[in-house]
Protein backbone atom coordinates (compact mmCIF):
# COMPACT_ATOMS: atom_id res chain seq x y z
CA MET A 1 -31.99 -58.47 -40.77
CA LEU A 2 -31.62 -57.43 -44.89
CA SER A 3 -30.30 -60.06 -46.93
CA LEU A 4 -27.87 -58.16 -48.91
CA SER A 5 -25.26 -56.08 -47.32
CA LEU A 6 -25.72 -52.35 -47.43
CA SER A 7 -22.21 -52.15 -49.16
CA LEU A 8 -23.46 -54.02 -52.12
CA MET A 9 -26.47 -52.36 -52.64
CA LEU A 10 -24.15 -49.00 -52.98
CA ALA A 11 -22.12 -50.59 -55.46
CA ALA A 12 -25.13 -51.69 -57.44
CA ALA A 13 -27.24 -48.99 -57.35
CA SER A 14 -26.85 -45.22 -59.10
CA ALA A 15 -24.01 -43.39 -59.43
CA ASP A 16 -25.93 -41.10 -57.00
CA PRO A 17 -24.79 -42.17 -53.76
CA VAL A 18 -27.92 -40.49 -51.58
CA ASP A 19 -30.38 -42.53 -53.84
CA ALA A 20 -28.78 -45.71 -53.36
CA ALA A 21 -28.98 -44.77 -49.34
CA THR A 22 -32.67 -43.85 -49.55
CA LYS A 23 -34.12 -46.65 -50.57
CA THR A 24 -31.83 -48.72 -47.41
CA ALA A 25 -32.98 -46.57 -45.59
CA ARG A 26 -36.80 -46.52 -46.04
CA ALA A 27 -36.24 -50.56 -45.86
CA GLU A 28 -34.08 -50.08 -42.60
CA TYR A 29 -36.73 -47.50 -41.06
CA GLU A 30 -40.14 -50.40 -41.70
CA TRP A 31 -37.91 -52.89 -39.47
CA PHE A 32 -37.43 -50.12 -36.42
CA HIS A 33 -41.06 -49.07 -36.51
CA ALA A 34 -41.98 -52.32 -37.17
CA HIS A 35 -39.73 -53.22 -34.20
CA PRO A 36 -39.76 -50.72 -31.52
CA GLU A 37 -38.31 -51.63 -27.69
CA LEU A 38 -38.53 -49.03 -24.58
CA SER A 39 -35.74 -47.02 -23.19
CA ASN A 40 -32.16 -49.20 -21.51
CA LYS A 41 -35.18 -52.20 -23.19
CA GLU A 42 -33.67 -51.39 -26.85
CA VAL A 43 -31.56 -54.62 -27.25
CA GLN A 44 -32.79 -56.27 -30.87
CA THR A 45 -32.90 -52.57 -31.82
CA ALA A 46 -29.23 -52.10 -30.86
CA LYS A 47 -28.00 -55.70 -32.65
CA HIS A 48 -30.25 -54.55 -36.34
CA LEU A 49 -28.26 -51.22 -36.12
CA ALA A 50 -24.65 -52.71 -35.02
CA HIS A 51 -25.13 -55.36 -37.67
CA ALA A 52 -26.18 -52.70 -40.83
CA LEU A 53 -22.89 -50.46 -39.25
CA ARG A 54 -21.05 -53.48 -39.89
CA GLY A 55 -21.95 -54.28 -43.37
CA LEU A 56 -20.71 -51.01 -44.16
CA GLY A 57 -17.25 -51.77 -43.13
CA LEU A 58 -17.82 -49.92 -39.45
CA GLU A 59 -15.90 -50.57 -36.36
CA VAL A 60 -18.84 -51.05 -34.01
CA HIS A 61 -18.43 -51.51 -30.19
CA GLU A 62 -21.99 -52.57 -28.20
CA GLY A 63 -23.08 -52.70 -24.90
CA ILE A 64 -21.90 -49.07 -24.27
CA GLY A 65 -24.13 -47.55 -21.38
CA GLY A 66 -26.50 -50.08 -21.59
CA THR A 67 -27.41 -51.43 -24.81
CA GLY A 68 -26.14 -47.73 -26.24
CA ILE A 69 -23.61 -48.82 -29.23
CA VAL A 70 -20.24 -46.21 -31.20
CA ALA A 71 -19.29 -47.04 -34.43
CA ILE A 72 -16.04 -45.77 -36.14
CA LEU A 73 -15.33 -44.61 -39.58
CA GLU A 74 -12.56 -43.09 -40.71
CA GLY A 75 -11.45 -41.12 -44.06
CA LYS A 76 -8.79 -40.77 -46.09
CA GLY A 77 -6.73 -39.58 -43.69
CA GLU A 78 -5.99 -37.82 -40.48
CA GLY A 79 -8.56 -34.87 -39.48
CA PRO A 80 -10.76 -34.28 -37.07
CA THR A 81 -13.45 -35.77 -35.71
CA VAL A 82 -17.21 -35.29 -35.72
CA LEU A 83 -19.29 -37.09 -33.05
CA TYR A 84 -23.02 -38.18 -34.48
CA ARG A 85 -25.81 -39.01 -32.71
CA ALA A 86 -29.44 -40.86 -33.10
CA ASP A 87 -31.17 -42.06 -30.36
CA MET A 88 -32.90 -45.55 -30.76
CA ASP A 89 -36.07 -46.13 -28.13
CA GLY A 90 -39.91 -46.14 -28.52
CA LEU A 91 -42.78 -45.18 -26.36
CA PRO A 92 -45.23 -46.88 -24.39
CA VAL A 93 -48.13 -46.06 -26.79
CA THR A 94 -50.65 -48.40 -28.59
CA GLU A 95 -49.73 -47.47 -32.57
CA ALA A 96 -53.18 -46.48 -34.48
CA THR A 97 -52.17 -45.43 -37.84
CA GLY A 98 -52.80 -48.81 -39.51
CA LEU A 99 -49.55 -48.61 -41.58
CA PRO A 100 -48.64 -51.98 -42.86
CA TYR A 101 -45.32 -52.15 -40.78
CA ALA A 102 -47.21 -50.83 -37.45
CA SER A 103 -45.78 -51.90 -34.46
CA LYS A 104 -45.60 -55.76 -33.64
CA ASN A 105 -44.68 -55.19 -30.05
CA ALA A 106 -47.62 -54.80 -28.13
CA GLY A 107 -48.05 -50.99 -26.35
CA VAL A 108 -44.67 -49.48 -27.78
CA MET A 109 -44.33 -47.85 -30.89
CA HIS A 110 -41.82 -45.22 -32.17
CA ALA A 111 -44.11 -42.22 -31.67
CA CYS A 112 -41.55 -39.75 -31.80
CA GLY A 113 -39.64 -40.62 -34.50
CA HIS A 114 -36.33 -42.37 -33.55
CA ASP A 115 -36.43 -44.86 -36.19
CA VAL A 116 -36.43 -41.96 -38.48
CA HIS A 117 -32.75 -41.19 -36.98
CA MET A 118 -31.79 -44.61 -37.23
CA ALA A 119 -32.86 -44.75 -40.43
CA THR A 120 -31.22 -41.59 -41.24
CA ALA A 121 -28.03 -42.57 -39.83
CA ILE A 122 -27.69 -46.24 -41.69
CA GLY A 123 -28.57 -44.12 -44.85
CA ALA A 124 -25.93 -40.85 -43.98
CA LEU A 125 -23.21 -43.18 -42.65
CA SER A 126 -23.00 -45.71 -46.22
CA VAL A 127 -23.12 -42.44 -48.10
CA LEU A 128 -20.00 -41.14 -46.49
CA ALA A 129 -18.19 -44.85 -46.25
CA ALA A 130 -19.01 -45.36 -50.00
CA THR A 131 -17.15 -41.59 -50.65
CA ARG A 132 -14.46 -41.75 -47.85
CA ASP A 133 -12.30 -41.27 -50.35
CA THR A 134 -12.98 -37.75 -50.76
CA TRP A 135 -12.90 -36.82 -47.05
CA SER A 136 -10.09 -36.91 -44.49
CA GLY A 137 -10.61 -37.68 -40.12
CA THR A 138 -13.16 -40.14 -38.11
CA VAL A 139 -16.69 -39.96 -37.77
CA ILE A 140 -17.95 -41.42 -34.50
CA PHE A 141 -21.63 -42.47 -34.59
CA VAL A 142 -23.68 -42.74 -30.98
CA GLY A 143 -26.49 -45.19 -31.33
CA GLN A 144 -28.06 -43.86 -27.95
CA PRO A 145 -30.80 -45.42 -25.65
CA ALA A 146 -33.02 -44.32 -23.54
CA GLU A 147 -33.47 -40.74 -24.95
CA GLU A 148 -37.08 -40.43 -23.55
CA LEU A 149 -35.68 -40.92 -20.05
CA GLY A 150 -33.42 -38.28 -20.34
CA ALA A 151 -30.41 -40.87 -19.18
CA GLY A 152 -29.22 -42.46 -21.93
CA ALA A 153 -26.57 -39.76 -23.08
CA LYS A 154 -25.43 -39.44 -19.46
CA ALA A 155 -24.81 -42.94 -18.81
CA MET A 156 -23.08 -43.38 -22.57
CA VAL A 157 -20.64 -40.31 -21.33
CA ALA A 158 -19.73 -42.01 -18.21
CA ASP A 159 -19.07 -45.32 -19.29
CA ARG A 160 -15.16 -45.74 -19.36
CA ALA A 161 -15.64 -47.56 -22.76
CA PHE A 162 -17.06 -44.42 -24.28
CA GLY A 163 -13.99 -42.55 -23.05
CA ARG A 164 -11.55 -44.99 -24.43
CA LEU A 165 -12.91 -45.02 -27.69
CA LEU A 166 -12.55 -40.78 -27.65
CA LYS A 167 -9.50 -40.88 -26.43
CA LYS A 168 -7.94 -42.65 -29.26
CA HIS A 169 -9.69 -41.36 -31.70
CA GLY A 170 -9.31 -37.51 -30.73
CA LYS A 171 -12.20 -35.29 -29.01
CA PRO A 172 -14.54 -33.82 -31.60
CA THR A 173 -14.35 -31.04 -32.82
CA LEU A 174 -18.18 -30.90 -33.45
CA ALA A 175 -21.29 -32.75 -32.18
CA VAL A 176 -24.72 -33.28 -34.41
CA ALA A 177 -27.94 -34.87 -34.22
CA LEU A 178 -31.25 -34.02 -35.70
CA HIS A 179 -34.87 -34.92 -34.41
CA ASP A 180 -37.95 -35.08 -37.32
CA ALA A 181 -40.46 -32.53 -36.49
CA ALA A 182 -44.38 -32.77 -36.72
CA ASP A 183 -44.68 -28.86 -37.40
CA LEU A 184 -42.48 -28.79 -40.65
CA PRO A 185 -43.08 -30.25 -43.76
CA ALA A 186 -40.89 -33.21 -45.13
CA GLY A 187 -38.33 -31.79 -47.81
CA GLN A 188 -37.79 -28.75 -45.14
CA VAL A 189 -34.92 -28.05 -42.17
CA SER A 190 -34.96 -25.67 -39.26
CA LEU A 191 -32.50 -24.52 -36.98
CA ILE A 192 -31.48 -21.72 -34.77
CA GLU A 193 -28.36 -20.13 -32.99
CA GLY A 194 -28.06 -20.22 -29.18
CA ALA A 195 -31.03 -22.44 -26.71
CA HIS A 196 -33.35 -25.12 -29.07
CA HIS A 197 -34.44 -27.14 -25.95
CA ALA A 198 -34.73 -26.16 -22.28
CA ASN A 199 -33.01 -27.21 -18.95
CA VAL A 200 -35.16 -29.99 -17.53
CA ASP A 201 -35.53 -30.23 -13.58
CA SER A 202 -37.93 -32.49 -11.68
CA VAL A 203 -39.16 -31.33 -8.13
CA ASP A 204 -40.60 -33.17 -5.50
CA ILE A 205 -42.86 -31.65 -2.54
CA VAL A 206 -43.61 -33.65 0.14
CA VAL A 207 -45.86 -31.46 2.65
CA HIS A 208 -46.02 -32.63 5.87
CA GLY A 209 -49.34 -31.71 8.11
CA LYS A 210 -51.18 -33.41 10.90
CA GLY A 211 -53.73 -35.81 10.03
CA GLY A 212 -57.02 -36.21 11.24
CA HIS A 213 -60.99 -36.02 10.42
CA GLY A 214 -62.69 -34.64 7.66
CA ALA A 215 -65.16 -33.19 10.01
CA ARG A 216 -62.87 -31.64 12.58
CA PRO A 217 -60.43 -29.78 10.70
CA HIS A 218 -59.62 -27.35 13.55
CA GLU A 219 -57.65 -30.79 14.96
CA SER A 220 -55.52 -31.10 11.78
CA ILE A 221 -52.58 -29.39 9.61
CA ASP A 222 -54.02 -29.77 6.74
CA PRO A 223 -51.33 -30.47 4.00
CA ILE A 224 -54.06 -30.51 1.10
CA VAL A 225 -54.66 -27.17 1.72
CA ILE A 226 -51.16 -26.11 2.24
CA GLY A 227 -50.18 -27.90 -1.01
CA ALA A 228 -53.08 -25.84 -3.04
CA GLU A 229 -52.10 -22.81 -2.16
CA ILE A 230 -48.30 -23.68 -3.15
CA VAL A 231 -49.38 -25.00 -6.52
CA MET A 232 -51.07 -21.20 -6.91
CA ALA A 233 -48.15 -19.50 -5.59
CA LEU A 234 -45.98 -20.92 -7.94
CA GLN A 235 -47.67 -19.52 -10.92
CA THR A 236 -46.28 -16.26 -9.13
CA ILE A 237 -42.39 -17.28 -10.10
CA VAL A 238 -42.59 -16.86 -13.77
CA SER A 239 -44.65 -13.55 -13.85
CA ARG A 240 -43.22 -11.93 -10.88
CA ARG A 241 -39.49 -12.97 -10.03
CA LEU A 242 -38.58 -13.10 -13.35
CA ARG A 243 -37.71 -10.87 -16.33
CA PRO A 244 -40.90 -10.21 -18.96
CA ASP A 245 -39.08 -11.24 -21.89
CA GLU A 246 -37.94 -14.34 -19.60
CA LYS A 247 -39.41 -18.03 -20.82
CA ALA A 248 -39.98 -20.64 -18.28
CA VAL A 249 -42.22 -23.43 -17.23
CA VAL A 250 -43.10 -24.16 -13.76
CA THR A 251 -45.65 -26.72 -14.16
CA VAL A 252 -47.31 -29.17 -11.09
CA GLY A 253 -48.19 -32.16 -12.98
CA LYS A 254 -49.20 -34.38 -10.41
CA PHE A 255 -50.74 -33.44 -6.65
CA ASP A 256 -51.07 -36.65 -4.57
CA GLY A 257 -52.28 -36.75 -1.16
CA GLY A 258 -54.97 -38.50 1.08
CA THR A 259 -57.07 -41.87 1.08
CA LYS A 260 -60.35 -41.32 1.84
CA ARG A 261 -63.09 -38.43 1.93
CA ASN A 262 -63.37 -38.18 5.49
CA ILE A 263 -59.43 -38.18 6.36
CA ILE A 264 -56.87 -35.27 6.64
CA PRO A 265 -53.92 -37.37 5.64
CA PRO A 266 -50.48 -36.31 7.18
CA SER A 267 -48.56 -35.58 3.77
CA ALA A 268 -49.57 -34.53 0.16
CA THR A 269 -46.95 -34.88 -2.49
CA LEU A 270 -46.52 -32.16 -5.51
CA MET A 271 -44.49 -33.32 -8.53
CA LEU A 272 -43.24 -30.79 -10.71
CA THR A 273 -41.28 -30.10 -14.25
CA VAL A 274 -39.48 -26.96 -14.47
CA ARG A 275 -38.23 -25.41 -17.64
CA SER A 276 -35.95 -22.91 -18.39
CA TYR A 277 -33.03 -21.68 -20.76
CA GLY A 278 -30.01 -20.26 -18.79
CA PRO A 279 -27.92 -20.77 -16.11
CA LYS A 280 -28.84 -18.16 -14.05
CA THR A 281 -33.01 -18.33 -14.77
CA ARG A 282 -32.89 -22.26 -13.86
CA LYS A 283 -30.88 -21.09 -10.09
CA VAL A 284 -34.41 -18.43 -9.97
CA LEU A 285 -36.70 -21.10 -10.53
CA LEU A 286 -35.42 -23.82 -8.14
CA THR A 287 -34.48 -21.13 -5.08
CA GLU A 288 -37.98 -19.55 -5.74
CA ILE A 289 -39.85 -23.00 -5.49
CA GLU A 290 -38.16 -23.44 -2.45
CA ARG A 291 -39.00 -20.61 -0.78
CA VAL A 292 -42.51 -20.39 -1.90
CA ALA A 293 -42.57 -24.14 -0.51
CA LYS A 294 -41.52 -23.40 2.75
CA ASN A 295 -43.15 -20.02 4.02
CA VAL A 296 -46.03 -21.18 2.70
CA ALA A 297 -46.22 -24.28 4.67
CA LYS A 298 -44.64 -22.22 7.79
CA ALA A 299 -47.67 -20.04 7.14
CA HIS A 300 -50.14 -22.47 8.14
CA ARG A 301 -47.58 -23.74 10.96
CA ALA A 302 -46.92 -27.04 9.53
CA PRO A 303 -45.13 -29.57 11.99
CA LYS A 304 -41.95 -29.20 9.72
CA PRO A 305 -40.84 -28.09 6.36
CA PRO A 306 -41.34 -29.66 3.24
CA THR A 307 -38.96 -32.56 2.28
CA ILE A 308 -38.04 -30.85 -1.53
CA VAL A 309 -35.80 -32.97 -3.50
CA VAL A 310 -34.56 -31.62 -7.17
CA GLY A 311 -33.78 -34.70 -9.60
CA ASP A 312 -30.58 -34.90 -11.88
CA GLY A 313 -31.66 -32.66 -14.29
CA LEU A 314 -30.86 -32.23 -17.94
CA PRO A 315 -28.66 -29.24 -19.30
CA SER A 316 -30.88 -27.22 -22.06
CA CYS A 317 -29.42 -27.93 -25.72
CA LYS A 318 -27.57 -24.83 -27.04
CA ASN A 319 -26.55 -25.01 -30.84
CA ASP A 320 -23.13 -22.86 -31.15
CA PRO A 321 -23.36 -19.78 -33.23
CA GLN A 322 -20.77 -20.03 -35.61
CA TRP A 323 -20.65 -23.56 -36.28
CA THR A 324 -24.60 -22.69 -36.66
CA ARG A 325 -24.57 -20.30 -39.64
CA LYS A 326 -21.42 -22.62 -40.93
CA VAL A 327 -24.01 -25.93 -40.95
CA ARG A 328 -26.83 -23.30 -41.98
CA ALA A 329 -24.83 -22.40 -44.98
CA ALA A 330 -23.93 -25.91 -45.91
CA PHE A 331 -27.86 -26.64 -46.11
CA GLU A 332 -28.96 -24.41 -48.47
CA LYS A 333 -26.61 -24.93 -50.44
CA GLU A 334 -27.62 -28.52 -50.54
CA LEU A 335 -31.29 -27.95 -50.29
CA GLY A 336 -31.87 -24.71 -50.87
CA ALA A 337 -32.69 -21.34 -49.14
CA ASP A 338 -36.26 -21.98 -49.21
CA LYS A 339 -35.72 -25.20 -47.46
CA VAL A 340 -34.11 -24.50 -44.50
CA LYS A 341 -36.11 -22.30 -41.85
CA ARG A 342 -35.83 -21.30 -38.80
CA HIS A 343 -38.17 -21.47 -35.45
CA ALA A 344 -38.56 -20.83 -31.97
CA PRO A 345 -36.60 -22.27 -28.86
CA SER A 346 -38.72 -25.14 -27.55
CA LEU A 347 -39.49 -25.63 -23.82
CA GLY A 348 -39.23 -29.46 -24.48
CA GLY A 349 -36.19 -31.28 -23.26
CA GLU A 350 -33.65 -33.20 -24.86
CA ASP A 351 -30.03 -35.06 -23.74
CA PHE A 352 -28.47 -34.75 -26.66
CA GLY A 353 -26.89 -31.17 -24.71
CA VAL A 354 -25.51 -33.91 -22.15
CA PHE A 355 -23.00 -34.33 -25.38
CA GLY A 356 -21.80 -30.97 -26.22
CA THR A 357 -21.93 -29.88 -21.97
CA ALA A 358 -20.01 -33.25 -20.27
CA LEU A 359 -17.39 -33.38 -23.53
CA GLY A 360 -17.30 -29.67 -23.79
CA VAL A 361 -17.83 -29.46 -27.35
CA PRO A 362 -19.50 -26.94 -29.57
CA ALA A 363 -22.77 -29.34 -30.58
CA ILE A 364 -25.86 -28.65 -33.26
CA MET A 365 -29.64 -29.94 -33.46
CA TRP A 366 -31.92 -29.38 -36.11
CA LYS A 367 -35.57 -30.14 -37.04
CA LEU A 368 -36.06 -32.31 -39.79
CA GLY A 369 -39.54 -32.00 -41.34
CA ALA A 370 -41.31 -34.98 -41.75
CA VAL A 371 -45.33 -34.37 -42.55
CA LYS A 372 -45.95 -35.39 -46.14
CA PRO A 373 -46.39 -31.82 -48.02
CA ALA A 374 -49.81 -32.85 -49.28
CA ARG A 375 -51.32 -32.28 -45.65
CA TRP A 376 -48.80 -29.97 -44.58
CA LYS A 377 -51.04 -26.80 -43.88
CA LYS A 378 -50.67 -24.11 -40.89
CA GLY A 379 -52.75 -24.97 -38.38
CA ALA A 380 -54.00 -27.80 -39.47
CA ASP A 381 -55.00 -30.71 -36.79
CA LEU A 382 -51.90 -32.97 -37.39
CA PRO A 383 -50.85 -35.92 -35.65
CA GLY A 384 -48.05 -34.33 -33.43
CA LEU A 385 -44.67 -36.19 -32.08
CA HIS A 386 -45.87 -38.56 -29.09
CA SER A 387 -49.27 -38.97 -30.91
CA ASP A 388 -50.31 -42.89 -31.64
CA ARG A 389 -51.24 -41.64 -35.04
CA TRP A 390 -47.39 -39.83 -35.79
CA ALA A 391 -46.53 -41.21 -39.37
CA PRO A 392 -43.82 -39.38 -40.99
CA ASP A 393 -43.34 -39.45 -44.90
CA PRO A 394 -40.78 -41.82 -44.96
CA ASP A 395 -39.24 -41.29 -48.16
CA LEU A 396 -38.93 -37.41 -48.41
CA THR A 397 -37.86 -37.15 -44.64
CA LEU A 398 -35.60 -40.18 -45.41
CA ARG A 399 -33.66 -38.71 -47.79
CA THR A 400 -33.71 -34.64 -46.49
CA GLY A 401 -32.37 -36.24 -43.39
CA ILE A 402 -29.30 -38.54 -45.31
CA ARG A 403 -28.31 -35.21 -47.10
CA THR A 404 -28.25 -32.85 -43.99
CA VAL A 405 -26.28 -35.02 -42.39
CA VAL A 406 -23.76 -36.36 -44.65
CA ALA A 407 -22.99 -31.84 -45.34
CA SER A 408 -23.12 -31.19 -41.33
CA ILE A 409 -20.60 -33.66 -41.06
CA ARG A 410 -18.50 -32.96 -43.98
CA THR A 411 -19.01 -28.91 -42.64
CA GLY A 412 -17.42 -30.14 -39.45
CA LEU A 413 -14.46 -32.28 -40.79
CA VAL A 414 -13.14 -29.32 -43.07
CA GLN A 415 -9.99 -28.04 -40.88
């Protein structure tokens, strides 16, 4: 824990609260980076984050949705409520950055930048706390676990304690979050209207056959052959069942079957990830996967249809167009228009969308550039997110993150 409270550091620092906040956030970033914890095991992480926020005078509630925390910051009077989220979990990656503050927890690393997110949150909330006499309303900060599993947001929203806090402090008018980016230099941000992350669905297909000897395949019904044909047939869903301008992915990430080269197994399993943007496309993909799998198996005279299990997926993350325009204007005023970019939607997943969908509130997420400007070059081979070498430019990334978070929240607090 830091020996000097954040509030005292702010009071002793320069007149610009962002300067002091950036210094504080840098120290916190190094601590979080050195002490990563896996999804749903963020015990010390949550404790450290809660301690820092209490030092700012926030009302902190722990153990929400598992290891999650919720902190309340109120302004000078009544006004709108804004929800602000930062995720907390690390990844099962062995760090290879060589940083002096590299992970001390073997096999675990903040390779996706959640350390940046938490440190930025402490910095931004310190600025808002130090200037609370200039704004009205309430900020509900969410320290979320298990983003990497796509489970943390759902767990927090489902927690009755979270619901009671929302009821007490009012339904948010806006939900905001950022994510560090390995394809944007530090000092810049990027945001777009509409979908910026995809619907994410998992589908498991168990193909049923008839086992037998590899030398006598005519006496068996080979589920590996059936499965292989299913894999190839699935590739036509996006290319032949969707409009050419629709973006979607159907990927078979695992094909498991058999125990020995001369044994035809009784079954084989395919594991898929399915990505889309709109609800209609999502439905088409899942319907077509089932149709293809069942009919291919039927053509091979499988003893019974495949067993198909669709997991509890994630909704797409969508930026509310009206609020995106407002927040973009605030960012351009804060950073300069040349530092605020646009990017293509990603087919990656992000469970921040759960807050907007479950709570029925508009949401905004933006990309925070984190690559050292001196190393930034289009097309350069730079470490990406989830890499064991991912190392953001701390100071400029954190400063830009703090400035944009404060700008977005202040925008949401305007009546």
